[in-house]
């Protein structure tokens, strides 16, 4: 919505929506049938959304990974998270099922090299550095599917509290959290770049896209509906220029 400033300010905001139980279960069922994880299905859907918004066929998304692939460190307290760079070619208008296969292969190859620190990758690739953006990718995808647990301590009550996010590390971060009712989709974004209304529309489009994928996984990605009913009505009504004389 706005020109990119010369220096990234990291000012941000966040919006979120709840997916219906039907869509949540549909995504899980589709993933099982196609032999992929729900993470891969959601990542493919997000990359389609970025493709549809930008018209680009080479989509690069960053994603965190726990990086606890050795039994010795599974129980340790500490920060082992690394960042993967997932690059997917969405050219030639494949079906969603075909794209899902591409995303699966990309993700598995990335998992196999998750020990390589992101900083080392940047050092080796030597991209042109720019204070206005992060290197290699500007959009992140996060999937949190750890089962929600009630924490109990002697003499202490613990409850979750949502906080207002007023910072962001990237242009966009799409996060999906599994909660008791289903998936909650959050969008954290740079307020230097995007209006609140644009992000509201993007979340709406993502919901419609997920519904389309669940019901029509073999449809080509450029043909999957993303517009809401209201937007479709506006387009059809406003484009009708007939007059009676």
C-alpha atoms as a PDB file:
ATOM      1  CA  UNK A   1       0.000   0.000   0.000  1.00  0.00           C
ATOM      2  CA  UNK A   2       2.912   2.371   0.693  1.00  0.00           C
ATOM      3  CA  UNK A   3       6.429   2.810  -0.723  1.00  0.00           C
ATOM      4  CA  UNK A   4       9.039   0.825   1.181  1.00  0.00           C
ATOM      5  CA  UNK A   5      11.007   3.146   3.519  1.00  0.00           C
ATOM      6  CA  UNK A   6      14.789   3.233   3.153  1.00  0.00           C
ATOM      7  CA  UNK A   7      15.234   1.717   6.612  1.00  0.00           C
ATOM      8  CA  UNK A   8      13.040  -0.930   8.201  1.00  0.00           C
ATOM      9  CA  UNK A   9      11.356   0.434  11.340  1.00  0.00           C
ATOM     10  CA  UNK A  10       9.916  -2.941  12.537  1.00  0.00           C
ATOM     11  CA  UNK A  11       6.625  -1.229  13.455  1.00  0.00           C
ATOM     12  CA  UNK A  12       3.777  -3.674  13.066  1.00  0.00           C
ATOM     13  CA  UNK A  13       0.283  -4.807  13.923  1.00  0.00           C
ATOM     14  CA  UNK A  14      -1.603  -8.089  14.014  1.00  0.00           C
ATOM     15  CA  UNK A  15      -4.995  -9.464  13.040  1.00  0.00           C
ATOM     16  CA  UNK A  16      -6.414 -12.959  13.424  1.00  0.00           C
ATOM     17  CA  UNK A  17      -9.438 -15.057  12.497  1.00  0.00           C
ATOM     18  CA  UNK A  18     -10.787 -18.435  13.561  1.00  0.00           C
ATOM     19  CA  UNK A  19     -11.259 -21.101  10.919  1.00  0.00           C
ATOM     20  CA  UNK A  20     -14.439 -23.115  11.137  1.00  0.00           C
ATOM     21  CA  UNK A  21     -14.282 -26.615  12.528  1.00  0.00           C
ATOM     22  CA  UNK A  22     -15.329 -27.948   9.117  1.00  0.00           C
ATOM     23  CA  UNK A  23     -12.400 -26.286   7.329  1.00  0.00           C
ATOM     24  CA  UNK A  24      -9.959 -27.356  10.050  1.00  0.00           C
ATOM     25  CA  UNK A  25     -11.056 -30.986   9.812  1.00  0.00           C
ATOM     26  CA  UNK A  26     -11.132 -30.760   6.023  1.00  0.00           C
ATOM     27  CA  UNK A  27      -7.493 -29.645   5.925  1.00  0.00           C
ATOM     28  CA  UNK A  28      -6.456 -32.489   8.223  1.00  0.00           C
ATOM     29  CA  UNK A  29      -8.391 -35.034   6.179  1.00  0.00           C
ATOM     30  CA  UNK A  30      -6.968 -33.748   2.879  1.00  0.00           C
ATOM     31  CA  UNK A  31      -3.433 -33.905   4.282  1.00  0.00           C
ATOM     32  CA  UNK A  32      -3.872 -37.527   5.371  1.00  0.00           C
ATOM     33  CA  UNK A  33      -5.267 -38.533   1.977  1.00  0.00           C
ATOM     34  CA  UNK A  34      -2.400 -36.860   0.091  1.00  0.00           C
ATOM     35  CA  UNK A  35       0.332 -38.227   2.358  1.00  0.00           C
ATOM     36  CA  UNK A  36       1.532 -34.836   3.602  1.00  0.00           C
ATOM     37  CA  UNK A  37       1.524 -32.952   6.884  1.00  0.00           C
ATOM     38  CA  UNK A  38      -0.967 -30.192   7.647  1.00  0.00           C
ATOM     39  CA  UNK A  39       2.025 -27.821   7.718  1.00  0.00           C
ATOM     40  CA  UNK A  40       2.755 -28.625   4.065  1.00  0.00           C
ATOM     41  CA  UNK A  41      -0.872 -28.130   3.062  1.00  0.00           C
ATOM     42  CA  UNK A  42      -1.104 -24.742   4.784  1.00  0.00           C
ATOM     43  CA  UNK A  43       2.266 -23.645   3.382  1.00  0.00           C
ATOM     44  CA  UNK A  44       1.155 -24.537  -0.150  1.00  0.00           C
ATOM     45  CA  UNK A  45      -2.068 -22.579   0.349  1.00  0.00           C
ATOM     46  CA  UNK A  46      -0.146 -19.525   1.609  1.00  0.00           C
ATOM     47  CA  UNK A  47       2.229 -19.679  -1.357  1.00  0.00           C
ATOM     48  CA  UNK A  48      -0.778 -19.767  -3.698  1.00  0.00           C
ATOM     49  CA  UNK A  49      -2.153 -16.664  -1.985  1.00  0.00           C
ATOM     50  CA  UNK A  50       1.175 -14.861  -2.451  1.00  0.00           C
ATOM     51  CA  UNK A  51       1.266 -15.979  -6.089  1.00  0.00           C
ATOM     52  CA  UNK A  52      -2.255 -14.715  -6.713  1.00  0.00           C
ATOM     53  CA  UNK A  53      -1.503 -11.360  -5.044  1.00  0.00           C
ATOM     54  CA  UNK A  54       1.852 -10.745  -6.746  1.00  0.00           C
ATOM     55  CA  UNK A  55       1.641 -12.593 -10.056  1.00  0.00           C
ATOM     56  CA  UNK A  56       5.062 -14.101  -9.285  1.00  0.00           C
ATOM     57  CA  UNK A  57       5.826 -17.772  -9.940  1.00  0.00           C
ATOM     58  CA  UNK A  58       8.969 -18.043  -7.788  1.00  0.00           C
ATOM     59  CA  UNK A  59       7.732 -17.859  -4.198  1.00  0.00           C
ATOM     60  CA  UNK A  60      10.200 -17.772  -1.290  1.00  0.00           C
ATOM     61  CA  UNK A  61       8.955 -18.058   2.283  1.00  0.00           C
ATOM     62  CA  UNK A  62      10.896 -18.311   5.539  1.00  0.00           C
ATOM     63  CA  UNK A  63       9.765 -20.713   8.241  1.00  0.00           C
ATOM     64  CA  UNK A  64      11.084 -21.581  11.722  1.00  0.00           C
ATOM     65  CA  UNK A  65      11.932 -25.157  12.659  1.00  0.00           C
ATOM     66  CA  UNK A  66      12.464 -26.567  16.150  1.00  0.00           C
ATOM     67  CA  UNK A  67      15.858 -28.046  15.137  1.00  0.00           C
ATOM     68  CA  UNK A  68      15.653 -30.737  17.846  1.00  0.00           C
ATOM     69  CA  UNK A  69      16.460 -33.681  15.612  1.00  0.00           C
ATOM     70  CA  UNK A  70      18.657 -35.502  18.140  1.00  0.00           C
ATOM     71  CA  UNK A  71      17.311 -37.398  21.122  1.00  0.00           C
ATOM     72  CA  UNK A  72      19.958 -35.898  23.395  1.00  0.00           C
ATOM     73  CA  UNK A  73      18.529 -32.384  23.051  1.00  0.00           C
ATOM     74  CA  UNK A  74      14.791 -33.129  22.935  1.00  0.00           C
ATOM     75  CA  UNK A  75      14.391 -32.618  26.679  1.00  0.00           C
ATOM     76  CA  UNK A  76      16.742 -29.684  27.076  1.00  0.00           C
ATOM     77  CA  UNK A  77      15.463 -26.209  27.909  1.00  0.00           C
ATOM     78  CA  UNK A  78      16.822 -23.674  25.450  1.00  0.00           C
ATOM     79  CA  UNK A  79      16.411 -22.006  22.092  1.00  0.00           C
ATOM     80  CA  UNK A  80      17.422 -24.293  19.238  1.00  0.00           C
ATOM     81  CA  UNK A  81      15.111 -22.816  16.578  1.00  0.00           C
ATOM     82  CA  UNK A  82      16.572 -22.264  13.125  1.00  0.00           C
ATOM     83  CA  UNK A  83      15.060 -20.587  10.049  1.00  0.00           C
ATOM     84  CA  UNK A  84      14.450 -22.457   6.804  1.00  0.00           C
ATOM     85  CA  UNK A  85      14.109 -20.760   3.419  1.00  0.00           C
ATOM     86  CA  UNK A  86      11.461 -22.590   1.368  1.00  0.00           C
ATOM     87  CA  UNK A  87      11.418 -21.806  -2.342  1.00  0.00           C
ATOM     88  CA  UNK A  88       8.602 -23.130  -4.515  1.00  0.00           C
ATOM     89  CA  UNK A  89       8.000 -22.765  -8.240  1.00  0.00           C
ATOM     90  CA  UNK A  90       4.271 -22.373  -8.919  1.00  0.00           C
ATOM     91  CA  UNK A  91       4.542 -21.849 -12.681  1.00  0.00           C
ATOM     92  CA  UNK A  92       2.381 -23.525 -15.373  1.00  0.00           C
ATOM     93  CA  UNK A  93      -0.776 -23.297 -13.252  1.00  0.00           C
ATOM     94  CA  UNK A  94      -0.583 -26.743 -11.607  1.00  0.00           C
ATOM     95  CA  UNK A  95      -3.444 -28.300  -9.708  1.00  0.00           C
ATOM     96  CA  UNK A  96      -3.305 -27.861  -5.967  1.00  0.00           C
ATOM     97  CA  UNK A  97      -2.558 -31.565  -5.612  1.00  0.00           C
ATOM     98  CA  UNK A  98       0.456 -31.254  -7.937  1.00  0.00           C
ATOM     99  CA  UNK A  99       1.696 -28.137  -6.149  1.00  0.00           C
ATOM    100  CA  UNK A 100       1.349 -29.947  -2.829  1.00  0.00           C
ATOM    101  CA  UNK A 101       3.751 -32.585  -4.141  1.00  0.00           C
ATOM    102  CA  UNK A 102       6.291 -29.859  -5.021  1.00  0.00           C
ATOM    103  CA  UNK A 103       5.949 -28.285  -1.579  1.00  0.00           C
ATOM    104  CA  UNK A 104       6.372 -31.678   0.111  1.00  0.00           C
ATOM    105  CA  UNK A 105       9.631 -32.344  -1.744  1.00  0.00           C
ATOM    106  CA  UNK A 106      10.946 -28.852  -0.947  1.00  0.00           C
ATOM    107  CA  UNK A 107      10.069 -29.153   2.737  1.00  0.00           C
ATOM    108  CA  UNK A 108      11.658 -32.601   3.108  1.00  0.00           C
ATOM    109  CA  UNK A 109      14.873 -31.388   1.462  1.00  0.00           C
ATOM    110  CA  UNK A 110      14.921 -28.390   3.792  1.00  0.00           C
ATOM    111  CA  UNK A 111      14.361 -30.585   6.868  1.00  0.00           C
ATOM    112  CA  UNK A 112      17.363 -32.682   5.836  1.00  0.00           C
ATOM    113  CA  UNK A 113      19.557 -29.567   6.067  1.00  0.00           C
ATOM    114  CA  UNK A 114      17.947 -27.888   9.069  1.00  0.00           C
ATOM    115  CA  UNK A 115      21.234 -27.872  10.993  1.00  0.00           C
ATOM    116  CA  UNK A 116      22.711 -25.264   8.647  1.00  0.00           C
ATOM    117  CA  UNK A 117      22.351 -21.930  10.486  1.00  0.00           C
ATOM    118  CA  UNK A 118      20.394 -19.292   8.585  1.00  0.00           C
ATOM    119  CA  UNK A 119      23.238 -16.827   9.191  1.00  0.00           C
ATOM    120  CA  UNK A 120      25.665 -19.213   7.465  1.00  0.00           C
ATOM    121  CA  UNK A 121      23.305 -19.530   4.487  1.00  0.00           C
ATOM    122  CA  UNK A 122      23.207 -15.739   4.116  1.00  0.00           C
ATOM    123  CA  UNK A 123      26.993 -15.628   4.405  1.00  0.00           C
ATOM    124  CA  UNK A 124      27.423 -18.214   1.655  1.00  0.00           C
ATOM    125  CA  UNK A 125      24.836 -16.795  -0.771  1.00  0.00           C
ATOM    126  CA  UNK A 126      25.929 -13.182  -0.235  1.00  0.00           C
ATOM    127  CA  UNK A 127      22.669 -11.517  -1.280  1.00  0.00           C
ATOM    128  CA  UNK A 128      22.646  -7.777  -1.811  1.00  0.00           C
ATOM    129  CA  UNK A 129      22.085  -6.375   1.682  1.00  0.00           C
ATOM    130  CA  UNK A 130      19.477  -3.674   2.171  1.00  0.00           C
ATOM    131  CA  UNK A 131      18.444  -1.922   5.395  1.00  0.00           C
ATOM    132  CA  UNK A 132      14.865  -1.780   4.124  1.00  0.00           C
ATOM    133  CA  UNK A 133      14.285  -5.559   4.163  1.00  0.00           C
ATOM    134  CA  UNK A 134      15.520  -8.876   5.530  1.00  0.00           C
ATOM    135  CA  UNK A 135      17.806 -10.991   3.319  1.00  0.00           C
ATOM    136  CA  UNK A 136      16.574 -13.971   1.256  1.00  0.00           C
ATOM    137  CA  UNK A 137      12.894 -13.642   2.242  1.00  0.00           C
ATOM    138  CA  UNK A 138      10.477 -11.006   3.500  1.00  0.00           C
ATOM    139  CA  UNK A 139       7.493 -13.231   4.298  1.00  0.00           C
ATOM    140  CA  UNK A 140       7.351 -15.883   7.026  1.00  0.00           C
ATOM    141  CA  UNK A 141       5.030 -18.815   7.700  1.00  0.00           C
ATOM    142  CA  UNK A 142       4.630 -20.317  11.187  1.00  0.00           C
ATOM    143  CA  UNK A 143       2.603 -23.391  12.184  1.00  0.00           C
ATOM    144  CA  UNK A 144       2.118 -24.211  15.865  1.00  0.00           C
ATOM    145  CA  UNK A 145       0.267 -27.465  16.432  1.00  0.00           C
ATOM    146  CA  UNK A 146       1.412 -28.364  19.951  1.00  0.00           C
ATOM    147  CA  UNK A 147      -1.630 -29.512  21.896  1.00  0.00           C
ATOM    148  CA  UNK A 148      -2.833 -26.788  24.293  1.00  0.00           C
ATOM    149  CA  UNK A 149      -2.187 -27.868  27.862  1.00  0.00           C
ATOM    150  CA  UNK A 150      -3.339 -26.467  31.154  1.00  0.00           C
ATOM    151  CA  UNK A 151      -0.348 -25.604  33.316  1.00  0.00           C
ATOM    152  CA  UNK A 152      -0.748 -26.392  36.996  1.00  0.00           C
ATOM    153  CA  UNK A 153       1.601 -25.261  39.742  1.00  0.00           C
ATOM    154  CA  UNK A 154       1.233 -25.518  43.497  1.00  0.00           C
ATOM    155  CA  UNK A 155      -0.101 -22.212  44.813  1.00  0.00           C
ATOM    156  CA  UNK A 156      -0.077 -20.565  41.370  1.00  0.00           C
ATOM    157  CA  UNK A 157      -2.807 -20.071  38.788  1.00  0.00           C
ATOM    158  CA  UNK A 158      -1.692 -19.763  35.162  1.00  0.00           C
ATOM    159  CA  UNK A 159      -3.788 -18.597  32.217  1.00  0.00           C
ATOM    160  CA  UNK A 160      -2.878 -17.407  28.699  1.00  0.00           C
ATOM    161  CA  UNK A 161      -3.152 -13.711  27.885  1.00  0.00           C
ATOM    162  CA  UNK A 162      -3.210 -12.232  24.418  1.00  0.00           C
ATOM    163  CA  UNK A 163      -0.972  -9.211  23.959  1.00  0.00           C
ATOM    164  CA  UNK A 164      -1.071  -6.501  21.323  1.00  0.00           C
ATOM    165  CA  UNK A 165       1.691  -6.965  18.745  1.00  0.00           C
ATOM    166  CA  UNK A 166       3.093  -3.613  17.680  1.00  0.00           C
ATOM    167  CA  UNK A 167       6.313  -4.885  16.095  1.00  0.00           C
ATOM    168  CA  UNK A 168       7.177  -7.165  13.196  1.00  0.00           C
ATOM    169  CA  UNK A 169      10.440  -8.652  11.928  1.00  0.00           C
ATOM    170  CA  UNK A 170       9.199  -9.139   8.362  1.00  0.00           C
ATOM    171  CA  UNK A 171       6.826  -7.609   5.816  1.00  0.00           C
ATOM    172  CA  UNK A 172       4.293 -10.352   6.575  1.00  0.00           C
ATOM    173  CA  UNK A 173       4.134 -13.282   8.967  1.00  0.00           C
ATOM    174  CA  UNK A 174       1.255 -15.721   8.621  1.00  0.00           C
ATOM    175  CA  UNK A 175       0.872 -17.949  11.679  1.00  0.00           C
ATOM    176  CA  UNK A 176      -1.533 -20.826  12.242  1.00  0.00           C
ATOM    177  CA  UNK A 177      -2.138 -22.057  15.790  1.00  0.00           C
ATOM    178  CA  UNK A 178      -4.131 -25.146  16.682  1.00  0.00           C
ATOM    179  CA  UNK A 179      -6.529 -24.397  19.504  1.00  0.00           C
ATOM    180  CA  UNK A 180      -9.331 -26.352  21.150  1.00  0.00           C
ATOM    181  CA  UNK A 181     -11.926 -25.304  18.527  1.00  0.00           C
ATOM    182  CA  UNK A 182      -9.597 -25.616  15.527  1.00  0.00           C
ATOM    183  CA  UNK A 183      -7.090 -23.413  13.720  1.00  0.00           C
ATOM    184  CA  UNK A 184      -6.583 -19.700  14.417  1.00  0.00           C
ATOM    185  CA  UNK A 185      -4.883 -17.792  11.584  1.00  0.00           C
ATOM    186  CA  UNK A 186      -2.933 -14.665  12.484  1.00  0.00           C
ATOM    187  CA  UNK A 187      -1.340 -12.104  10.204  1.00  0.00           C
ATOM    188  CA  UNK A 188       1.412  -9.880  11.564  1.00  0.00           C
ATOM    189  CA  UNK A 189       2.435  -7.139   9.176  1.00  0.00           C
ATOM    190  CA  UNK A 190       4.544  -4.034   8.691  1.00  0.00           C
ATOM    191  CA  UNK A 191       2.460  -0.911   9.209  1.00  0.00           C
ATOM    192  CA  UNK A 192       5.033   0.986   7.131  1.00  0.00           C
ATOM    193  CA  UNK A 193       3.847  -1.000   4.117  1.00  0.00           C
ATOM    194  CA  UNK A 194       0.251  -2.107   4.577  1.00  0.00           C
ATOM    195  CA  UNK A 195      -3.107  -0.657   5.583  1.00  0.00           C
ATOM    196  CA  UNK A 196      -5.227  -2.488   8.135  1.00  0.00           C
ATOM    197  CA  UNK A 197      -8.039  -2.922   5.589  1.00  0.00           C
ATOM    198  CA  UNK A 198      -5.688  -4.674   3.158  1.00  0.00           C
ATOM    199  CA  UNK A 199      -4.679  -7.215   5.783  1.00  0.00           C
ATOM    200  CA  UNK A 200      -8.324  -7.827   6.719  1.00  0.00           C
ATOM    201  CA  UNK A 201      -9.043  -8.589   3.060  1.00  0.00           C
ATOM    202  CA  UNK A 202      -6.007 -10.852   2.818  1.00  0.00           C
ATOM    203  CA  UNK A 203      -7.199 -12.923   5.783  1.00  0.00           C
ATOM    204  CA  UNK A 204     -10.659 -13.151   4.200  1.00  0.00           C
ATOM    205  CA  UNK A 205      -9.110 -14.292   0.920  1.00  0.00           C
ATOM    206  CA  UNK A 206      -7.015 -16.909   2.716  1.00  0.00           C
ATOM    207  CA  UNK A 207     -10.113 -18.328   4.395  1.00  0.00           C
ATOM    208  CA  UNK A 208     -11.966 -18.566   1.069  1.00  0.00           C
ATOM    209  CA  UNK A 209      -8.900 -20.141  -0.551  1.00  0.00           C
ATOM    210  CA  UNK A 210      -8.675 -22.799   2.175  1.00  0.00           C
ATOM    211  CA  UNK A 211     -12.367 -23.600   1.746  1.00  0.00           C
ATOM    212  CA  UNK A 212     -11.808 -23.907  -2.028  1.00  0.00           C
ATOM    213  CA  UNK A 213      -8.812 -26.215  -1.519  1.00  0.00           C
ATOM    214  CA  UNK A 214     -10.724 -28.506   0.841  1.00  0.00           C
ATOM    215  CA  UNK A 215     -13.624 -28.846  -1.593  1.00  0.00           C
ATOM    216  CA  UNK A 216     -11.652 -28.809  -4.880  1.00  0.00           C
ATOM    217  CA  UNK A 217      -8.049 -30.026  -4.307  1.00  0.00           C
ATOM    218  CA  UNK A 218      -7.649 -31.097  -7.955  1.00  0.00           C
ATOM    219  CA  UNK A 219      -8.542 -27.683  -9.352  1.00  0.00           C
ATOM    220  CA  UNK A 220      -5.775 -25.553 -10.908  1.00  0.00           C
ATOM    221  CA  UNK A 221      -4.356 -22.947  -8.537  1.00  0.00           C
ATOM    222  CA  UNK A 222      -5.186 -19.928 -10.714  1.00  0.00           C
ATOM    223  CA  UNK A 223      -8.828 -21.057 -10.818  1.00  0.00           C
ATOM    224  CA  UNK A 224      -9.321 -21.578  -7.093  1.00  0.00           C
ATOM    225  CA  UNK A 225     -11.785 -18.957  -5.771  1.00  0.00           C
ATOM    226  CA  UNK A 226     -10.404 -16.432  -3.281  1.00  0.00           C
ATOM    227  CA  UNK A 227     -12.996 -13.636  -3.414  1.00  0.00           C
ATOM    228  CA  UNK A 228     -15.667 -13.363  -0.735  1.00  0.00           C
ATOM    229  CA  UNK A 229     -19.362 -13.385  -1.596  1.00  0.00           C
ATOM    230  CA  UNK A 230     -19.511  -9.620  -0.997  1.00  0.00           C
ATOM    231  CA  UNK A 231     -16.611  -8.963  -3.365  1.00  0.00           C
ATOM    232  CA  UNK A 232     -18.088 -11.194  -6.069  1.00  0.00           C
ATOM    233  CA  UNK A 233     -21.394  -9.342  -5.789  1.00  0.00           C
ATOM    234  CA  UNK A 234     -19.638  -5.986  -6.074  1.00  0.00           C
ATOM    235  CA  UNK A 235     -17.727  -7.070  -9.171  1.00  0.00           C
ATOM    236  CA  UNK A 236     -20.812  -8.448 -10.880  1.00  0.00           C
ATOM    237  CA  UNK A 237     -23.066  -5.536  -9.908  1.00  0.00           C
ATOM    238  CA  UNK A 238     -20.565  -2.804 -10.748  1.00  0.00           C
ATOM    239  CA  UNK A 239     -19.644  -4.369 -14.085  1.00  0.00           C
ATOM    240  CA  UNK A 240     -23.258  -4.487 -15.235  1.00  0.00           C
ATOM    241  CA  UNK A 241     -23.577  -1.305 -17.349  1.00  0.00           C
ATOM    242  CA  UNK A 242     -26.873  -2.103 -19.084  1.00  0.00           C
ATOM    243  CA  UNK A 243     -29.419   0.712 -19.296  1.00  0.00           C
ATOM    244  CA  UNK A 244     -33.045   0.714 -20.387  1.00  0.00           C
ATOM    245  CA  UNK A 245     -33.985   3.467 -22.839  1.00  0.00           C
END
